[in-house]
Protein backbone atom coordinates (compact mmCIF):
# COMPACT_ATOMS: atom_id res chain seq x y z
CA MET A 1 0.04 -0.17 -0.19
CA VAL A 2 1.44 3.31 -1.03
CA GLU A 3 1.42 5.87 1.82
CA LYS A 4 -0.30 9.13 1.08
CA PRO A 5 0.79 11.90 3.55
CA TYR A 6 -1.52 14.77 4.02
CA ARG A 7 -1.07 18.16 2.22
CA TRP A 8 -1.81 20.47 5.01
CA SER A 9 -0.67 23.60 3.29
CA SER A 10 -3.51 23.22 0.60
CA GLY A 11 -5.91 21.68 2.73
CA ALA A 12 -6.19 17.95 3.70
CA THR A 13 -9.33 15.86 3.28
CA ILE A 14 -10.38 13.60 6.37
CA GLU A 15 -11.17 9.99 5.53
CA GLU A 16 -13.91 7.93 7.02
CA HIS A 17 -11.58 5.82 9.13
CA SER A 18 -10.16 8.85 10.66
CA LEU A 19 -13.50 10.13 11.73
CA ARG A 20 -14.39 7.08 13.32
CA LYS A 21 -10.93 6.91 15.16
CA HIS A 22 -11.17 10.43 16.21
CA LYS A 23 -14.58 9.94 17.84
CA ILE A 24 -13.13 7.03 19.90
CA LEU A 25 -10.34 8.95 20.84
CA ARG A 26 -12.38 12.00 21.84
CA GLU A 27 -14.99 10.01 23.90
CA TYR A 28 -12.24 7.67 25.60
CA PHE A 29 -10.23 10.63 26.55
CA PHE A 30 -12.99 12.31 28.41
CA LYS A 31 -13.52 9.17 30.39
CA TYR A 32 -9.88 8.73 31.08
CA LEU A 33 -9.82 12.08 32.74
CA THR A 34 -13.22 11.59 34.77
CA VAL A 35 -11.88 8.14 36.10
CA ARG A 36 -8.29 9.50 36.78
CA CYS A 37 -9.88 12.55 38.85
CA ARG A 38 -12.44 11.09 41.01
CA LEU A 39 -10.66 10.90 44.33
CA PRO A 40 -12.42 13.29 46.84
CA GLN A 41 -8.94 14.09 48.26
CA GLN A 42 -7.37 14.82 44.93
CA GLU A 43 -6.63 18.50 44.05
CA ARG A 44 -4.25 18.05 41.15
CA PHE A 45 -3.89 15.83 38.21
CA ARG A 46 -0.51 15.63 35.98
CA LEU A 47 -0.39 14.34 32.58
CA ALA A 48 1.52 14.53 29.33
CA ILE A 49 0.28 13.93 25.89
CA VAL A 50 2.42 13.06 22.83
CA ASP A 51 0.92 13.39 19.49
CA GLY A 52 3.86 11.74 17.39
CA PHE A 53 2.10 12.73 13.85
CA ALA A 54 0.32 15.68 15.00
CA GLY A 55 -0.88 17.04 11.62
CA GLY A 56 -2.01 20.50 10.86
CA GLY A 57 -4.93 21.06 13.46
CA ARG A 58 -7.95 21.06 11.20
CA TYR A 59 -8.87 19.39 8.03
CA SER A 60 -10.32 21.30 4.97
CA ASP A 61 -13.78 20.76 6.28
CA GLY A 62 -12.97 22.23 9.74
CA GLN A 63 -12.96 18.85 11.40
CA PRO A 64 -10.64 18.99 14.17
CA GLY A 65 -7.58 16.87 14.20
CA SER A 66 -6.24 14.86 17.35
CA PRO A 67 -4.37 17.81 18.95
CA VAL A 68 -7.55 19.97 18.87
CA ILE A 69 -9.46 17.13 20.13
CA PHE A 70 -7.19 16.59 23.14
CA ILE A 71 -7.45 20.47 24.13
CA GLU A 72 -11.10 20.47 23.76
CA GLU A 73 -11.65 17.59 25.91
CA LEU A 74 -9.29 18.72 28.68
CA MET A 75 -11.52 21.87 28.67
CA ARG A 76 -14.74 20.00 28.59
CA ALA A 77 -13.62 17.58 31.28
CA THR A 78 -12.18 20.31 33.68
CA GLU A 79 -15.32 22.40 33.44
CA ALA A 80 -17.41 19.19 33.93
CA MET A 81 -15.59 18.12 36.99
CA THR A 82 -15.36 21.69 38.41
CA VAL A 83 -19.24 21.55 38.48
CA GLN A 84 -19.77 18.05 39.65
CA ARG A 85 -17.17 18.24 42.38
CA ALA A 86 -18.88 21.37 43.93
CA ALA A 87 -22.16 19.75 43.52
CA ASP A 88 -20.69 16.74 45.55
CA GLY A 89 -19.01 19.06 48.17
CA MET A 90 -15.30 18.10 46.96
CA SER A 91 -12.76 20.51 46.58
CA PRO A 92 -11.78 21.55 43.03
CA ILE A 93 -9.27 19.88 41.05
CA SER A 94 -6.56 21.41 38.93
CA ILE A 95 -5.21 19.75 35.71
CA ASP A 96 -1.52 20.34 34.72
CA CYS A 97 -0.91 18.98 31.14
CA LEU A 98 2.27 18.98 28.97
CA LEU A 99 1.35 18.63 25.21
CA VAL A 100 4.18 17.57 22.87
CA LEU A 101 2.96 17.96 19.40
CA ASN A 102 5.39 16.56 16.70
CA ASP A 103 5.12 16.38 12.95
CA GLN A 104 7.72 15.70 10.15
CA SER A 105 6.18 18.15 7.79
CA ALA A 106 7.10 21.93 8.49
CA ASP A 107 3.79 23.05 6.69
CA ALA A 108 1.88 20.85 9.36
CA VAL A 109 3.30 22.38 12.47
CA ALA A 110 2.99 26.03 10.98
CA SER A 111 -0.64 25.25 10.36
CA LEU A 112 -0.96 23.32 13.87
CA LYS A 113 0.22 26.68 15.73
CA THR A 114 -2.40 28.77 13.99
CA HIS A 115 -5.21 26.53 15.44
CA ILE A 116 -3.72 25.84 18.97
CA GLU A 117 -2.61 29.15 20.19
CA PRO A 118 -6.26 30.46 19.99
CA LEU A 119 -7.41 27.56 22.30
CA LEU A 120 -4.69 28.01 24.58
CA GLY A 121 -5.87 31.79 24.86
CA ARG A 122 -9.40 30.54 25.60
CA ILE A 123 -8.17 28.20 28.31
CA LYS A 124 -6.35 31.04 30.27
CA GLU A 125 -9.40 33.39 30.03
CA ALA A 126 -12.21 30.61 30.64
CA VAL A 127 -10.93 27.42 32.42
CA PRO A 128 -8.62 28.57 35.20
CA ASN A 129 -8.35 24.98 36.65
CA LEU A 130 -6.42 24.08 33.59
CA SER A 131 -2.92 24.51 32.62
CA VAL A 132 -1.64 23.52 29.20
CA ARG A 133 1.88 23.81 27.92
CA VAL A 134 2.67 23.01 24.31
CA GLN A 135 6.02 22.07 22.92
CA TYR A 136 6.13 21.75 18.92
CA LEU A 137 8.80 19.46 17.29
CA ASN A 138 9.35 19.14 13.56
CA LYS A 139 10.98 15.71 13.38
CA ARG A 140 10.55 12.01 12.29
CA PHE A 141 9.03 10.55 15.25
CA GLU A 142 11.64 8.04 15.96
CA LYS A 143 14.23 10.91 15.99
CA ALA A 144 11.98 12.90 18.33
CA TYR A 145 11.40 10.35 20.59
CA PRO A 146 14.72 10.34 22.51
CA LYS A 147 14.15 13.94 23.12
CA ILE A 148 10.39 13.49 24.24
CA LYS A 149 11.54 10.64 26.60
CA THR A 150 14.00 12.77 28.33
CA THR A 151 11.66 15.47 28.87
CA LEU A 152 8.71 13.45 30.40
CA THR A 153 11.35 11.62 32.51
CA GLU A 154 13.05 15.03 33.73
CA ASP A 155 9.54 16.51 34.52
CA ARG A 156 8.59 13.18 36.48
CA PHE A 157 5.32 12.63 34.44
CA ARG A 158 3.76 9.33 35.44
CA ASN A 159 0.72 9.66 33.34
CA VAL A 160 1.46 9.53 29.96
CA ILE A 161 -0.50 9.27 26.51
CA PHE A 162 0.99 8.63 23.16
CA ASN A 163 -1.17 9.08 20.07
CA LEU A 164 0.93 7.44 17.01
CA ASP A 165 -1.40 7.92 14.21
CA GLN A 166 0.90 7.02 11.16
CA CYS A 167 0.81 6.38 7.68
CA GLY A 168 1.58 2.82 6.55
CA HIS A 169 3.29 0.89 9.34
CA SER A 170 7.00 1.75 9.24
CA HIS A 171 7.38 4.85 11.01
CA VAL A 172 7.18 3.60 14.72
CA ASP A 173 9.67 1.02 15.61
CA ARG A 174 8.04 -1.95 17.78
CA ASN A 175 10.77 -1.64 20.31
CA THR A 176 9.80 2.07 20.86
CA LEU A 177 6.49 0.87 21.91
CA ILE A 178 7.74 -1.35 24.32
CA ASP A 179 10.11 1.37 25.88
CA ILE A 180 7.13 3.74 26.24
CA MET A 181 5.13 1.11 28.07
CA ARG A 182 8.16 0.15 30.21
CA SER A 183 9.30 3.59 30.92
CA PHE A 184 6.26 5.04 32.46
CA ASN A 185 4.03 3.39 35.23
CA SER A 186 0.75 4.82 33.91
CA ALA A 187 1.28 4.85 30.00
CA GLU A 188 -1.08 4.27 27.31
CA ILE A 189 -0.74 4.30 23.51
CA PHE A 190 -3.25 4.75 20.59
CA TYR A 191 -1.44 3.44 17.48
CA THR A 192 -2.77 3.27 14.05
CA PHE A 193 -1.51 1.74 11.02
CA ALA A 194 -2.49 0.16 7.71
CA ILE A 195 -2.81 -3.56 8.01
CA GLN A 196 -1.46 -4.37 4.53
CA SER A 197 1.69 -2.54 5.13
CA LEU A 198 2.06 -4.54 8.50
CA ILE A 199 1.55 -7.85 6.70
CA SER A 200 4.08 -7.04 4.03
CA PHE A 201 6.52 -5.91 6.75
CA LEU A 202 6.08 -9.33 8.56
CA GLN A 203 6.42 -11.36 5.37
CA LYS A 204 9.77 -9.81 4.91
CA ALA A 205 10.90 -9.29 8.59
CA ASN A 206 9.33 -12.28 10.25
CA PRO A 207 8.00 -14.83 7.97
CA GLU A 208 8.01 -17.55 10.64
CA LEU A 209 5.85 -15.62 12.98
CA LEU A 210 3.38 -15.14 10.28
CA GLU A 211 3.39 -18.86 8.94
CA ALA A 212 2.88 -19.92 12.64
CA GLN A 213 -0.21 -17.70 13.29
CA LEU A 214 -1.59 -18.81 9.98
CA ALA A 215 -1.23 -22.44 10.84
CA LYS A 216 -3.08 -21.98 14.03
CA VAL A 217 -6.35 -20.77 12.12
CA ARG A 218 -5.75 -23.52 9.44
CA THR A 219 -4.76 -21.17 6.93
CA THR A 220 -1.66 -21.36 4.43
CA LYS A 221 0.37 -18.48 3.15
CA GLU A 222 -1.24 -18.80 -0.29
CA ASP A 223 -4.92 -18.93 1.07
CA PHE A 224 -3.87 -15.79 3.14
CA GLN A 225 -2.62 -13.96 0.01
CA LYS A 226 -6.02 -14.47 -1.74
CA LEU A 227 -7.83 -13.07 1.21
CA GLN A 228 -5.75 -10.00 1.09
CA VAL A 229 -7.44 -9.11 -2.12
CA ALA A 230 -11.01 -9.10 -0.58
CA VAL A 231 -10.27 -7.34 3.00
CA ASN A 232 -14.00 -7.12 3.39
CA ARG A 233 -14.16 -10.94 4.06
CA GLN A 234 -14.78 -11.79 7.71
CA ALA A 235 -12.25 -14.78 7.38
CA TRP A 236 -9.75 -12.12 6.58
CA LEU A 237 -10.66 -10.28 9.78
CA GLY A 238 -10.33 -13.12 11.90
CA ILE A 239 -6.90 -14.14 10.80
CA ALA A 240 -5.32 -10.68 10.71
CA GLU A 241 -6.55 -10.09 14.24
CA ARG A 242 -4.68 -12.76 15.35
CA VAL A 243 -1.51 -11.82 13.22
CA VAL A 244 -1.67 -8.34 14.91
CA PHE A 245 -2.21 -9.52 18.41
CA GLU A 246 0.61 -11.96 18.23
CA ALA A 247 2.82 -9.13 16.62
CA PHE A 248 2.26 -6.82 19.49
CA ARG A 249 1.09 -8.94 22.58
CA THR A 250 4.42 -8.47 24.47
CA CYS A 251 4.59 -4.74 23.93
CA ALA A 252 2.04 -4.13 26.86
CA PRO A 253 -0.04 -6.00 29.49
CA PHE A 254 -2.98 -5.17 27.73
CA VAL A 255 -3.34 -4.98 23.86
CA SER A 256 -6.86 -4.03 22.25
CA PRO A 257 -6.13 -5.60 18.40
CA PHE A 258 -9.36 -4.28 17.00
CA SER A 259 -9.65 -2.92 13.44
CA ILE A 260 -11.39 0.15 12.24
CA HIS A 261 -14.54 -0.79 10.56
CA ASN A 262 -15.20 0.48 7.12
CA PRO A 263 -17.66 -0.08 4.49
CA ASP A 264 -14.79 -1.12 2.12
CA GLY A 265 -13.23 -3.61 4.37
CA TRP A 266 -10.61 -3.83 7.50
CA ARG A 267 -7.70 -1.96 6.20
CA TYR A 268 -6.57 0.18 9.18
CA TRP A 269 -5.90 -0.96 12.75
CA LEU A 270 -6.35 1.14 15.73
CA ILE A 271 -4.33 -0.52 18.65
CA HIS A 272 -4.71 0.48 22.50
CA PHE A 273 -1.89 -0.38 24.73
CA ALA A 274 -2.15 0.01 28.35
CA ASN A 275 -0.59 -1.18 31.65
CA SER A 276 -3.69 -1.48 33.39
CA TYR A 277 -6.67 -3.54 33.17
CA ARG A 278 -8.97 -0.38 34.24
CA ALA A 279 -7.64 1.18 31.09
CA ARG A 280 -8.71 -1.74 28.96
CA GLN A 281 -12.14 -1.84 30.61
CA VAL A 282 -12.85 1.75 30.03
CA TYR A 283 -11.54 1.37 26.25
CA ASN A 284 -13.97 -1.54 25.65
CA ASP A 285 -17.09 0.19 27.17
CA THR A 286 -16.25 3.17 25.01
CA LEU A 287 -16.24 0.91 21.97
CA HIS A 288 -19.65 -0.37 22.90
CA SER A 289 -20.98 3.43 23.00
CA ASN A 290 -19.37 3.54 19.42
CA SER A 291 -20.89 0.37 18.01
CA SER A 292 -19.47 -0.36 14.53
CA ALA A 293 -16.53 1.76 14.83
CA GLN A 294 -14.34 -1.14 15.49
CA ALA A 295 -14.75 -4.59 14.61
CA HIS A 296 -13.66 -8.37 15.99
CA PHE A 297 -14.28 -11.74 14.20
CA GLY A 298 -13.96 -14.78 16.42
CA ARG A 299 -15.46 -15.49 19.81
CA SER A 300 -16.85 -12.69 21.93
CA GLY A 301 -16.54 -14.14 25.68
CA LEU A 302 -13.38 -14.28 27.62
CA ASN A 303 -11.27 -16.09 24.98
CA MET A 304 -11.72 -14.02 22.03
CA LEU A 305 -8.46 -15.33 19.89
CA SER A 306 -9.49 -18.93 20.67
CA TYR A 307 -11.67 -19.36 17.71
CA ASP A 308 -10.88 -22.38 15.53
CA PRO A 309 -12.72 -22.56 12.04
CA THR A 310 -12.46 -26.28 12.10
CA HIS A 311 -14.59 -26.64 15.18
CA GLU A 312 -16.87 -23.73 15.63
CA ALA A 313 -18.37 -20.77 13.57
CA GLY A 314 -17.09 -17.31 13.96
CA ALA A 315 -19.02 -14.10 14.36
CA LEU A 316 -18.28 -10.65 13.52
CA TYR A 317 -18.46 -8.34 16.86
CA LEU A 318 -19.22 -4.86 16.09
CA PHE A 319 -19.88 -3.78 19.90
CA ASP A 320 -23.49 -3.54 19.07
CA THR A 321 -26.73 -4.94 20.81
CA LEU A 322 -26.85 -8.33 18.66
CA GLY A 323 -22.90 -8.58 19.42
CA ARG A 324 -23.38 -8.22 23.18
CA GLN A 325 -26.27 -10.79 23.27
CA ASN A 326 -23.91 -13.36 21.77
CA ALA A 327 -21.26 -12.42 24.02
CA LYS A 328 -23.63 -12.87 27.09
CA GLN A 329 -24.33 -16.38 26.28
CA GLN A 330 -20.61 -17.23 25.98
CA LEU A 331 -19.70 -15.30 29.21
CA LEU A 332 -22.41 -17.46 31.05
CA GLU A 333 -20.10 -20.35 30.23
CA ASP A 334 -16.76 -18.77 30.22
CA ILE A 335 -16.81 -17.22 33.73
CA PRO A 336 -17.31 -20.19 35.78
CA ARG A 337 -14.58 -22.08 34.08
CA VAL A 338 -12.19 -19.21 34.94
CA VAL A 339 -13.22 -19.34 38.56
CA ALA A 340 -12.98 -23.02 38.66
CA GLU A 341 -9.36 -22.95 37.11
CA SER A 342 -8.20 -20.77 40.29
CA GLY A 343 -9.88 -23.28 42.59
CA ASP A 344 -13.47 -22.35 43.70
CA ALA A 345 -12.93 -18.51 44.22
CA ILE A 346 -11.19 -15.55 42.85
CA GLY A 347 -10.81 -11.79 43.85
CA VAL A 348 -12.73 -9.61 41.38
CA GLY A 349 -9.58 -7.46 41.04
CA ASP A 350 -7.67 -10.82 40.09
CA PHE A 351 -10.39 -11.78 37.73
CA TYR A 352 -10.24 -8.60 35.92
CA GLU A 353 -6.30 -8.93 35.62
CA GLY A 354 -6.75 -12.24 33.96
CA ILE A 355 -9.61 -11.63 31.37
CA TYR A 356 -9.29 -8.02 30.18
CA ASN A 357 -6.65 -8.72 27.48
CA LEU A 358 -8.62 -11.27 25.93
CA THR A 359 -12.25 -10.10 25.78
CA PRO A 360 -14.14 -7.39 23.89
CA ALA A 361 -17.03 -7.41 26.45
CA HIS A 362 -18.81 -4.71 28.15
CA THR A 363 -18.30 -4.16 31.88
CA ASP A 364 -22.06 -4.40 32.51
CA ASP A 365 -22.18 -7.52 30.47
CA ILE A 366 -19.53 -9.25 32.46
CA HIS A 367 -21.29 -8.22 35.81
CA SER A 368 -24.57 -9.28 34.42
CA ALA A 369 -23.25 -12.87 33.48
CA ILE A 370 -21.87 -13.39 36.99
CA MET A 371 -24.88 -12.42 38.94
CA GLU A 372 -27.43 -14.33 36.38
CA ASN A 373 -25.11 -17.48 36.63
CA PRO A 374 -26.77 -20.10 39.20
CA ASP A 375 -23.37 -21.72 39.86
CA LEU A 376 -21.62 -18.34 41.03
CA GLU A 377 -21.83 -15.93 43.82
CA VAL A 378 -20.32 -12.72 44.74
CA ILE A 379 -19.16 -12.19 48.37
CA THR A 380 -18.47 -8.79 49.74
CA PRO A 381 -15.57 -7.92 51.97
CA SER A 382 -17.84 -8.18 55.09
CA GLY A 383 -18.99 -11.79 54.15
CA GLY A 384 -22.44 -10.86 52.73
CA GLU A 385 -23.80 -11.66 49.17
CA ARG A 386 -24.19 -9.15 46.30
CA ARG A 387 -27.64 -9.07 44.69
CA LYS A 388 -27.37 -6.49 41.88
CA ALA A 389 -24.68 -6.47 39.02
CA ASN A 390 -23.94 -2.78 39.28
CA THR A 391 -22.90 -3.15 42.83
CA ILE A 392 -20.01 -5.43 42.53
CA THR A 393 -16.60 -3.80 43.24
CA ILE A 394 -12.91 -5.03 42.83
CA GLU A 395 -12.74 -5.89 46.77
CA ASP A 396 -15.47 -8.61 46.30
CA VAL A 397 -14.95 -12.29 45.68
CA ILE A 398 -16.44 -14.51 42.84
CA LYS A 399 -17.06 -17.88 44.32
CA LEU A 400 -18.44 -21.25 42.68
CA ARG A 401 -21.74 -22.23 44.96
CA SER A 402 -21.37 -25.72 46.58
CA GLN A 403 -24.28 -27.42 44.23
CA LYS A 404 -23.15 -26.58 40.94
CA SER A 405 -24.30 -27.57 37.39
CA PHE A 406 -21.94 -26.06 35.05
CA PHE A 407 -19.08 -28.68 34.93
CA PRO A 408 -20.58 -30.30 31.68
CA VAL A 409 -19.26 -27.12 29.91
CA PHE A 410 -15.84 -28.13 30.56
CA ASN A 411 -16.24 -30.73 27.90
CA SER A 412 -17.77 -28.02 25.06
CA GLY A 413 -14.45 -27.94 22.97
CA VAL A 414 -13.78 -24.52 24.05
CA SER A 415 -10.55 -23.92 25.76
CA SER A 416 -10.20 -21.02 28.04
CA LYS A 417 -6.16 -20.87 27.82
CA LYS A 418 -4.72 -18.09 26.04
CA PRO A 419 -3.57 -18.59 22.56
CA LYS A 420 0.27 -19.40 22.34
């Protein structure tokens, strides 16, 4: 696939996959801020945002690019939290943000400044609890990263978000992704690439990995090459998703390997990397409020990549109502199995840690499946039993009841083990 860099000086046209991606980014970032700033005792929150391929700020039709989206949501979240905390009798919270905006194109950076500076003026006038400092860089991202890392480290930022929205695939090294996730305790990355560029890279750089993953889904390299011609085939999506996950699974504890769902097929991938299950939990829930923006093919319970086309029928999961209904049925079987593999009980926090890298499910569906399963009970720290799904907390324990009816599902042919 030939890369088509945006021409910011003459007006860049936004594509459908970017609109879908920006909507997810906007909604997730707002939730991220409200979740991270909810402690009553908290009076200040510091974070750094690095937009490695920042672009020119706005497209030819006025649509905002990611740097503008970050600033708009910082303003909206700060104002919303100020009102809510006052209503709850809590002290106000101040947000201190360093925004590092890098683009290889000098035209893009020049355009970006004209759109960012007026927003910074509005913040000073209208949002006193928000401080945003901006650094502009004009380099290839891999050349800029060492300086960026030094800045974040010296300023002691723990909360860091990288938005790496590249053309093609080759502009961000995999080792850089690993370094980001290991260098900052609370790091998250949004990573975008064209899937066919990744496949071409793997065919040349790591053909053994590609062949191993194709063998797991009973597909030969020749079959896979045929599927690439028609990327709207669901079979292609299922195979490509496994390849993507295996290529990046060691980059972070939690890797969301879902493609951007386009009418013309699954050509672009948006991966979310996180060090915390809570981040993946919020990301999953955000996708469900943007149904059909991203797509998964395979199982929809707790073992989404264990789909074997020789033994079961796969399904397209678009984070919509129908997908959630199907997921619920799988969750009713999968959750007791996970508890049983731990003995007869597991803490909710440990349960989350173990499941969230391999499920697209919504939090509410997981909780409902726990409460509706006759073989499970949820015990509170004081020894009581939960009665409602929306009251489950990470301090609770999920326990198998003494009289169980679920054991036959262990012979259903679906393994709960993670793919190797």
